[in-house]
PDB file of all heavy atoms in Angstrom:
ATOM      1  N   VAL A   1      66.228 -28.292 -19.005  1.00  0.00           N
ATOM      2  CA  VAL A   1      66.204 -27.179 -19.958  1.00  0.00           C
ATOM      3  C   VAL A   1      67.463 -26.330 -19.765  1.00  0.00           C
ATOM      4  O   VAL A   1      67.771 -25.934 -18.638  1.00  0.00           O
ATOM      5  CB  VAL A   1      64.949 -26.320 -19.758  1.00  0.00           C
ATOM      6  CG1 VAL A   1      64.972 -25.099 -20.681  1.00  0.00           C
ATOM      7  CG2 VAL A   1      63.699 -27.148 -20.010  1.00  0.00           C
ATOM      8  N   PRO A   2      68.213 -26.052 -20.825  1.00  0.00           N
ATOM      9  CA  PRO A   2      69.482 -25.307 -20.687  1.00  0.00           C
ATOM     10  C   PRO A   2      69.268 -23.862 -20.250  1.00  0.00           C
ATOM     11  O   PRO A   2      68.463 -23.132 -20.836  1.00  0.00           O
ATOM     12  CB  PRO A   2      70.101 -25.378 -22.092  1.00  0.00           C
ATOM     13  CG  PRO A   2      68.938 -25.623 -23.005  1.00  0.00           C
ATOM     14  CD  PRO A   2      67.954 -26.446 -22.225  1.00  0.00           C
ATOM     15  N   LEU A   3      70.004 -23.466 -19.218  1.00  0.00           N
ATOM     16  CA  LEU A   3      69.949 -22.103 -18.687  1.00  0.00           C
ATOM     17  C   LEU A   3      71.207 -21.315 -19.026  1.00  0.00           C
ATOM     18  O   LEU A   3      71.182 -20.090 -19.082  1.00  0.00           O
ATOM     19  CB  LEU A   3      69.776 -22.129 -17.168  1.00  0.00           C
ATOM     20  CG  LEU A   3      68.546 -22.858 -16.620  1.00  0.00           C
ATOM     21  CD1 LEU A   3      68.606 -22.904 -15.102  1.00  0.00           C
ATOM     22  CD2 LEU A   3      67.263 -22.171 -17.084  1.00  0.00           C
ATOM     23  N   SER A   4      72.327 -22.020 -19.218  1.00  0.00           N
ATOM     24  CA  SER A   4      73.611 -21.371 -19.489  1.00  0.00           C
ATOM     25  C   SER A   4      74.454 -22.299 -20.335  1.00  0.00           C
ATOM     26  O   SER A   4      74.364 -23.530 -20.186  1.00  0.00           O
ATOM     27  CB  SER A   4      74.321 -21.039 -18.169  1.00  0.00           C
ATOM     28  OG  SER A   4      75.614 -20.534 -18.409  1.00  0.00           O
ATOM     29  N   LEU A   5      75.276 -21.703 -21.215  1.00  0.00           N
ATOM     30  CA  LEU A   5      76.078 -22.516 -22.140  1.00  0.00           C
ATOM     31  C   LEU A   5      77.309 -21.729 -22.551  1.00  0.00           C
ATOM     32  O   LEU A   5      77.213 -20.563 -22.922  1.00  0.00           O
ATOM     33  CB  LEU A   5      75.238 -22.869 -23.371  1.00  0.00           C
ATOM     34  CG  LEU A   5      75.816 -23.731 -24.470  1.00  0.00           C
ATOM     35  CD1 LEU A   5      74.666 -24.413 -25.229  1.00  0.00           C
ATOM     36  CD2 LEU A   5      76.656 -22.938 -25.465  1.00  0.00           C
ATOM     37  N   ILE A   6      78.468 -22.372 -22.483  1.00  0.00           N
ATOM     38  CA  ILE A   6      79.686 -21.812 -23.052  1.00  0.00           C
ATOM     39  C   ILE A   6      80.433 -22.933 -23.767  1.00  0.00           C
ATOM     40  O   ILE A   6      80.212 -24.121 -23.490  1.00  0.00           O
ATOM     41  CB  ILE A   6      80.593 -21.145 -21.993  1.00  0.00           C
ATOM     42  CG1 ILE A   6      81.155 -22.194 -21.035  1.00  0.00           C
ATOM     43  CG2 ILE A   6      79.866 -20.044 -21.247  1.00  0.00           C
ATOM     44  CD1 ILE A   6      82.261 -21.638 -20.151  1.00  0.00           C
ATOM     45  N   VAL A   7      81.323 -22.557 -24.680  1.00  0.00           N
ATOM     46  CA  VAL A   7      82.111 -23.518 -25.452  1.00  0.00           C
ATOM     47  C   VAL A   7      83.589 -23.228 -25.231  1.00  0.00           C
ATOM     48  O   VAL A   7      84.021 -22.068 -25.270  1.00  0.00           O
ATOM     49  CB  VAL A   7      81.769 -23.434 -26.951  1.00  0.00           C
ATOM     50  CG1 VAL A   7      82.703 -24.334 -27.767  1.00  0.00           C
ATOM     51  CG2 VAL A   7      80.318 -23.832 -27.192  1.00  0.00           C
ATOM     52  N   THR A   8      84.373 -24.300 -24.988  1.00  0.00           N
ATOM     53  CA  THR A   8      85.811 -24.180 -24.796  1.00  0.00           C
ATOM     54  C   THR A   8      86.510 -25.298 -25.550  1.00  0.00           C
ATOM     55  O   THR A   8      85.865 -26.136 -26.194  1.00  0.00           O
ATOM     56  CB  THR A   8      86.186 -24.276 -23.308  1.00  0.00           C
ATOM     57  OG1 THR A   8      85.895 -25.615 -22.842  1.00  0.00           O
ATOM     58  CG2 THR A   8      85.419 -23.274 -22.469  1.00  0.00           C
ATOM     59  N   GLY A   9      87.831 -25.328 -25.438  1.00  0.00           N
ATOM     60  CA  GLY A   9      88.582 -26.460 -25.961  1.00  0.00           C
ATOM     61  C   GLY A   9      88.323 -27.701 -25.128  1.00  0.00           C
ATOM     62  O   GLY A   9      87.972 -27.622 -23.939  1.00  0.00           O
ATOM     63  N   ALA A  10      88.505 -28.868 -25.726  1.00  0.00           N
ATOM     64  CA  ALA A  10      88.217 -30.120 -25.030  1.00  0.00           C
ATOM     65  C   ALA A  10      89.149 -30.356 -23.849  1.00  0.00           C
ATOM     66  O   ALA A  10      88.821 -31.123 -22.940  1.00  0.00           O
ATOM     67  CB  ALA A  10      88.307 -31.298 -26.009  1.00  0.00           C
ATOM     68  N   ASN A  11      90.300 -29.720 -23.854  1.00  0.00           N
ATOM     69  CA  ASN A  11      91.276 -29.932 -22.786  1.00  0.00           C
ATOM     70  C   ASN A  11      91.060 -29.017 -21.585  1.00  0.00           C
ATOM     71  O   ASN A  11      91.852 -29.042 -20.633  1.00  0.00           O
ATOM     72  CB  ASN A  11      92.696 -29.727 -23.326  1.00  0.00           C
ATOM     73  CG  ASN A  11      92.896 -28.339 -23.921  1.00  0.00           C
ATOM     74  OD1 ASN A  11      91.957 -27.730 -24.431  1.00  0.00           O
ATOM     75  ND2 ASN A  11      94.119 -27.847 -23.862  1.00  0.00           N
ATOM     76  N   VAL A  12      90.002 -28.215 -21.593  1.00  0.00           N
ATOM     77  CA  VAL A  12      89.711 -27.311 -20.477  1.00  0.00           C
ATOM     78  C   VAL A  12      88.919 -28.067 -19.409  1.00  0.00           C
ATOM     79  O   VAL A  12      87.859 -28.614 -19.701  1.00  0.00           O
ATOM     80  CB  VAL A  12      88.923 -26.077 -20.952  1.00  0.00           C
ATOM     81  CG1 VAL A  12      88.542 -25.193 -19.767  1.00  0.00           C
ATOM     82  CG2 VAL A  12      89.739 -25.289 -21.966  1.00  0.00           C
ATOM     83  N   ASN A  13      89.439 -28.081 -18.202  1.00  0.00           N
ATOM     84  CA  ASN A  13      88.758 -28.764 -17.101  1.00  0.00           C
ATOM     85  C   ASN A  13      87.423 -28.088 -16.793  1.00  0.00           C
ATOM     86  O   ASN A  13      87.309 -26.865 -16.825  1.00  0.00           O
ATOM     87  CB  ASN A  13      89.664 -28.761 -15.869  1.00  0.00           C
ATOM     88  CG  ASN A  13      89.071 -29.537 -14.717  1.00  0.00           C
ATOM     89  OD1 ASN A  13      88.305 -29.001 -13.928  1.00  0.00           O
ATOM     90  ND2 ASN A  13      89.431 -30.811 -14.608  1.00  0.00           N
ATOM     91  N   ASP A  14      86.427 -28.908 -16.457  1.00  0.00           N
ATOM     92  CA  ASP A  14      85.093 -28.368 -16.172  1.00  0.00           C
ATOM     93  C   ASP A  14      85.131 -27.311 -15.071  1.00  0.00           C
ATOM     94  O   ASP A  14      84.472 -26.274 -15.162  1.00  0.00           O
ATOM     95  CB  ASP A  14      84.145 -29.499 -15.763  1.00  0.00           C
ATOM     96  CG  ASP A  14      83.796 -30.413 -16.922  1.00  0.00           C
ATOM     97  OD1 ASP A  14      83.966 -29.983 -18.075  1.00  0.00           O
ATOM     98  OD2 ASP A  14      83.360 -31.551 -16.674  1.00  0.00           O
ATOM     99  N   GLY A  15      85.904 -27.580 -14.025  1.00  0.00           N
ATOM    100  CA  GLY A  15      85.945 -26.663 -12.893  1.00  0.00           C
ATOM    101  C   GLY A  15      86.522 -25.303 -13.234  1.00  0.00           C
ATOM    102  O   GLY A  15      86.198 -24.302 -12.579  1.00  0.00           O
ATOM    103  N   LYS A  16      87.368 -25.217 -14.268  1.00  0.00           N
ATOM    104  CA  LYS A  16      87.995 -23.951 -14.646  1.00  0.00           C
ATOM    105  C   LYS A  16      86.995 -22.964 -15.233  1.00  0.00           C
ATOM    106  O   LYS A  16      87.255 -21.768 -15.277  1.00  0.00           O
ATOM    107  CB  LYS A  16      89.122 -24.200 -15.655  1.00  0.00           C
ATOM    108  CG  LYS A  16      90.273 -25.045 -15.124  1.00  0.00           C
ATOM    109  CD  LYS A  16      90.982 -24.365 -13.962  1.00  0.00           C
ATOM    110  CE  LYS A  16      92.175 -25.182 -13.499  1.00  0.00           C
ATOM    111  NZ  LYS A  16      92.847 -24.541 -12.328  1.00  0.00           N
ATOM    112  N   ARG A  17      85.874 -23.458 -15.717  1.00  0.00           N
ATOM    113  CA  ARG A  17      84.858 -22.586 -16.311  1.00  0.00           C
ATOM    114  C   ARG A  17      83.580 -22.552 -15.476  1.00  0.00           C
ATOM    115  O   ARG A  17      82.552 -22.069 -15.927  1.00  0.00           O
ATOM    116  CB  ARG A  17      84.537 -23.051 -17.735  1.00  0.00           C
ATOM    117  CG  ARG A  17      85.684 -22.860 -18.715  1.00  0.00           C
ATOM    118  CD  ARG A  17      85.974 -21.381 -18.920  1.00  0.00           C
ATOM    119  NE  ARG A  17      86.991 -21.146 -19.934  1.00  0.00           N
ATOM    120  CZ  ARG A  17      88.288 -21.045 -19.689  1.00  0.00           C
ATOM    121  NH1 ARG A  17      88.720 -21.152 -18.434  1.00  0.00           N
ATOM    122  NH2 ARG A  17      89.155 -20.833 -20.664  1.00  0.00           N
ATOM    123  N   LEU A  18      83.654 -23.055 -14.248  1.00  0.00           N
ATOM    124  CA  LEU A  18      82.465 -23.125 -13.399  1.00  0.00           C
ATOM    125  C   LEU A  18      81.877 -21.743 -13.138  1.00  0.00           C
ATOM    126  O   LEU A  18      80.669 -21.522 -13.301  1.00  0.00           O
ATOM    127  CB  LEU A  18      82.826 -23.817 -12.077  1.00  0.00           C
ATOM    128  CG  LEU A  18      81.729 -23.858 -11.010  1.00  0.00           C
ATOM    129  CD1 LEU A  18      80.501 -24.580 -11.529  1.00  0.00           C
ATOM    130  CD2 LEU A  18      82.259 -24.534  -9.748  1.00  0.00           C
ATOM    131  N   ASP A  19      82.717 -20.806 -12.730  1.00  0.00           N
ATOM    132  CA  ASP A  19      82.218 -19.465 -12.423  1.00  0.00           C
ATOM    133  C   ASP A  19      81.622 -18.807 -13.659  1.00  0.00           C
ATOM    134  O   ASP A  19      80.582 -18.134 -13.576  1.00  0.00           O
ATOM    135  CB  ASP A  19      83.362 -18.609 -11.867  1.00  0.00           C
ATOM    136  CG  ASP A  19      82.896 -17.229 -11.459  1.00  0.00           C
ATOM    137  OD1 ASP A  19      82.103 -17.125 -10.509  1.00  0.00           O
ATOM    138  OD2 ASP A  19      83.317 -16.244 -12.096  1.00  0.00           O
ATOM    139  N   GLU A  20      82.253 -19.008 -14.806  1.00  0.00           N
ATOM    140  CA  GLU A  20      81.752 -18.417 -16.046  1.00  0.00           C
ATOM    141  C   GLU A  20      80.388 -18.973 -16.415  1.00  0.00           C
ATOM    142  O   GLU A  20      79.487 -18.234 -16.843  1.00  0.00           O
ATOM    143  CB  GLU A  20      82.759 -18.671 -17.176  1.00  0.00           C
ATOM    144  CG  GLU A  20      82.415 -17.979 -18.474  1.00  0.00           C
ATOM    145  CD  GLU A  20      83.474 -18.199 -19.531  1.00  0.00           C
ATOM    146  OE1 GLU A  20      84.560 -18.728 -19.206  1.00  0.00           O
ATOM    147  OE2 GLU A  20      83.214 -17.830 -20.700  1.00  0.00           O
ATOM    148  N   VAL A  21      80.212 -20.281 -16.244  1.00  0.00           N
ATOM    149  CA  VAL A  21      78.930 -20.904 -16.579  1.00  0.00           C
ATOM    150  C   VAL A  21      77.829 -20.410 -15.637  1.00  0.00           C
ATOM    151  O   VAL A  21      76.727 -20.057 -16.074  1.00  0.00           O
ATOM    152  CB  VAL A  21      79.039 -22.442 -16.506  1.00  0.00           C
ATOM    153  CG1 VAL A  21      77.678 -23.092 -16.745  1.00  0.00           C
ATOM    154  CG2 VAL A  21      80.035 -22.958 -17.538  1.00  0.00           C
ATOM    155  N   LEU A  22      78.119 -20.372 -14.344  1.00  0.00           N
ATOM    156  CA  LEU A  22      77.106 -19.942 -13.377  1.00  0.00           C
ATOM    157  C   LEU A  22      76.780 -18.455 -13.521  1.00  0.00           C
ATOM    158  O   LEU A  22      75.702 -18.017 -13.112  1.00  0.00           O
ATOM    159  CB  LEU A  22      77.589 -20.228 -11.955  1.00  0.00           C
ATOM    160  CG  LEU A  22      77.774 -21.706 -11.595  1.00  0.00           C
ATOM    161  CD1 LEU A  22      78.246 -21.846 -10.155  1.00  0.00           C
ATOM    162  CD2 LEU A  22      76.490 -22.493 -11.817  1.00  0.00           C
ATOM    163  N   SER A  23      77.695 -17.691 -14.098  1.00  0.00           N
ATOM    164  CA  SER A  23      77.471 -16.254 -14.278  1.00  0.00           C
ATOM    165  C   SER A  23      76.758 -15.937 -15.584  1.00  0.00           C
ATOM    166  O   SER A  23      76.356 -14.790 -15.802  1.00  0.00           O
ATOM    167  CB  SER A  23      78.803 -15.501 -14.240  1.00  0.00           C
ATOM    168  OG  SER A  23      79.464 -15.685 -13.005  1.00  0.00           O
ATOM    169  N   ALA A  24      76.626 -16.928 -16.466  1.00  0.00           N
ATOM    170  CA  ALA A  24      76.097 -16.678 -17.812  1.00  0.00           C
ATOM    171  C   ALA A  24      74.667 -17.159 -17.976  1.00  0.00           C
ATOM    172  O   ALA A  24      74.231 -17.408 -19.101  1.00  0.00           O
ATOM    173  CB  ALA A  24      77.000 -17.354 -18.847  1.00  0.00           C
ATOM    174  N   ILE A  25      73.918 -17.298 -16.884  1.00  0.00           N
ATOM    175  CA  ILE A  25      72.524 -17.736 -16.985  1.00  0.00           C
ATOM    176  C   ILE A  25      71.736 -16.717 -17.805  1.00  0.00           C
ATOM    177  O   ILE A  25      71.819 -15.509 -17.577  1.00  0.00           O
ATOM    178  CB  ILE A  25      71.912 -17.915 -15.578  1.00  0.00           C
ATOM    179  CG1 ILE A  25      72.643 -19.029 -14.826  1.00  0.00           C
ATOM    180  CG2 ILE A  25      70.424 -18.237 -15.679  1.00  0.00           C
ATOM    181  CD1 ILE A  25      72.129 -19.253 -13.421  1.00  0.00           C
ATOM    182  N   MET A  26      70.950 -17.199 -18.764  1.00  0.00           N
ATOM    183  CA  MET A  26      70.289 -16.328 -19.720  1.00  0.00           C
ATOM    184  C   MET A  26      69.124 -15.552 -19.121  1.00  0.00           C
ATOM    185  O   MET A  26      68.781 -14.472 -19.593  1.00  0.00           O
ATOM    186  CB  MET A  26      69.790 -17.152 -20.915  1.00  0.00           C
ATOM    187  CG  MET A  26      70.905 -17.809 -21.711  1.00  0.00           C
ATOM    188  SD  MET A  26      72.084 -16.621 -22.381  1.00  0.00           S
ATOM    189  CE  MET A  26      71.043 -15.723 -23.513  1.00  0.00           C
ATOM    190  N   VAL A  27      68.472 -16.101 -18.118  1.00  0.00           N
ATOM    191  CA  VAL A  27      67.363 -15.407 -17.453  1.00  0.00           C
ATOM    192  C   VAL A  27      67.670 -15.328 -15.972  1.00  0.00           C
ATOM    193  O   VAL A  27      68.225 -16.260 -15.396  1.00  0.00           O
ATOM    194  CB  VAL A  27      66.020 -16.118 -17.694  1.00  0.00           C
ATOM    195  CG1 VAL A  27      65.582 -15.979 -19.134  1.00  0.00           C
ATOM    196  CG2 VAL A  27      66.090 -17.584 -17.302  1.00  0.00           C
ATOM    197  N   LYS A  28      67.330 -14.225 -15.363  1.00  0.00           N
ATOM    198  CA  LYS A  28      67.621 -14.026 -13.962  1.00  0.00           C
ATOM    199  C   LYS A  28      66.450 -14.471 -13.096  1.00  0.00           C
ATOM    200  O   LYS A  28      65.290 -14.227 -13.419  1.00  0.00           O
ATOM    201  CB  LYS A  28      67.957 -12.560 -13.683  1.00  0.00           C
ATOM    202  CG  LYS A  28      69.167 -12.055 -14.463  1.00  0.00           C
ATOM    203  CD  LYS A  28      70.409 -12.905 -14.144  1.00  0.00           C
ATOM    204  CE  LYS A  28      71.617 -12.394 -14.938  1.00  0.00           C
ATOM    205  NZ  LYS A  28      72.822 -13.236 -14.697  1.00  0.00           N
ATOM    206  N   ARG A  29      66.779 -15.112 -11.996  1.00  0.00           N
ATOM    207  CA  ARG A  29      65.771 -15.575 -11.053  1.00  0.00           C
ATOM    208  C   ARG A  29      65.738 -14.632  -9.855  1.00  0.00           C
ATOM    209  O   ARG A  29      66.775 -14.156  -9.398  1.00  0.00           O
ATOM    210  CB  ARG A  29      66.120 -16.984 -10.568  1.00  0.00           C
ATOM    211  CG  ARG A  29      65.175 -17.550  -9.522  1.00  0.00           C
ATOM    212  CD  ARG A  29      65.800 -18.748  -8.839  1.00  0.00           C
ATOM    213  NE  ARG A  29      64.868 -19.395  -7.938  1.00  0.00           N
ATOM    214  CZ  ARG A  29      65.182 -20.359  -7.083  1.00  0.00           C
ATOM    215  NH1 ARG A  29      66.433 -20.773  -7.024  1.00  0.00           N
ATOM    216  NH2 ARG A  29      64.280 -20.898  -6.294  1.00  0.00           N
ATOM    217  N   LYS A  30      64.539 -14.391  -9.364  1.00  0.00           N
ATOM    218  CA  LYS A  30      64.426 -13.614  -8.142  1.00  0.00           C
ATOM    219  C   LYS A  30      65.072 -14.388  -6.997  1.00  0.00           C
ATOM    220  O   LYS A  30      65.006 -15.616  -6.958  1.00  0.00           O
ATOM    221  CB  LYS A  30      62.958 -13.343  -7.831  1.00  0.00           C
ATOM    222  CG  LYS A  30      62.267 -12.441  -8.840  1.00  0.00           C
ATOM    223  CD  LYS A  30      60.825 -12.192  -8.448  1.00  0.00           C
ATOM    224  CE  LYS A  30      60.128 -11.298  -9.466  1.00  0.00           C
ATOM    225  NZ  LYS A  30      58.707 -11.058  -9.106  1.00  0.00           N
ATOM    226  N   ALA A  31      65.685 -13.683  -6.099  1.00  0.00           N
ATOM    227  CA  ALA A  31      66.375 -14.327  -4.979  1.00  0.00           C
ATOM    228  C   ALA A  31      65.399 -15.213  -4.220  1.00  0.00           C
ATOM    229  O   ALA A  31      64.334 -14.744  -3.794  1.00  0.00           O
ATOM    230  CB  ALA A  31      66.964 -13.279  -4.053  1.00  0.00           C
ATOM    231  N   PRO A  32      65.717 -16.508  -4.072  1.00  0.00           N
ATOM    232  CA  PRO A  32      64.810 -17.407  -3.345  1.00  0.00           C
ATOM    233  C   PRO A  32      64.703 -17.000  -1.885  1.00  0.00           C
ATOM    234  O   PRO A  32      65.674 -16.507  -1.294  1.00  0.00           O
ATOM    235  CB  PRO A  32      65.476 -18.780  -3.494  1.00  0.00           C
ATOM    236  CG  PRO A  32      66.907 -18.478  -3.743  1.00  0.00           C
ATOM    237  CD  PRO A  32      66.935 -17.187  -4.499  1.00  0.00           C
ATOM    238  N   PRO A  33      63.537 -17.167  -1.270  1.00  0.00           N
ATOM    239  CA  PRO A  33      63.363 -16.762   0.121  1.00  0.00           C
ATOM    240  C   PRO A  33      64.204 -17.569   1.093  1.00  0.00           C
ATOM    241  O   PRO A  33      64.600 -17.066   2.135  1.00  0.00           O
ATOM    242  CB  PRO A  33      61.862 -16.978   0.372  1.00  0.00           C
ATOM    243  CG  PRO A  33      61.452 -17.992  -0.650  1.00  0.00           C
ATOM    244  CD  PRO A  33      62.312 -17.733  -1.850  1.00  0.00           C
ATOM    245  N   LEU A  34      64.486 -18.817   0.734  1.00  0.00           N
ATOM    246  CA  LEU A  34      65.265 -19.682   1.605  1.00  0.00           C
ATOM    247  C   LEU A  34      66.444 -20.251   0.834  1.00  0.00           C
ATOM    248  O   LEU A  34      66.320 -20.610  -0.340  1.00  0.00           O
ATOM    249  CB  LEU A  34      64.397 -20.827   2.147  1.00  0.00           C
ATOM    250  CG  LEU A  34      63.183 -20.423   2.990  1.00  0.00           C
ATOM    251  CD1 LEU A  34      62.341 -21.634   3.321  1.00  0.00           C
ATOM    252  CD2 LEU A  34      63.628 -19.716   4.265  1.00  0.00           C
TER     253      LEU A  34
END
């Protein structure tokens, strides 16, 4: 189930948008205990 989504140009490396994708999660999760 999709939690985060962004759109870029096809020539953008996946790793260059990693932080943006991980920061754009639509719902926040409580900090896991472990």
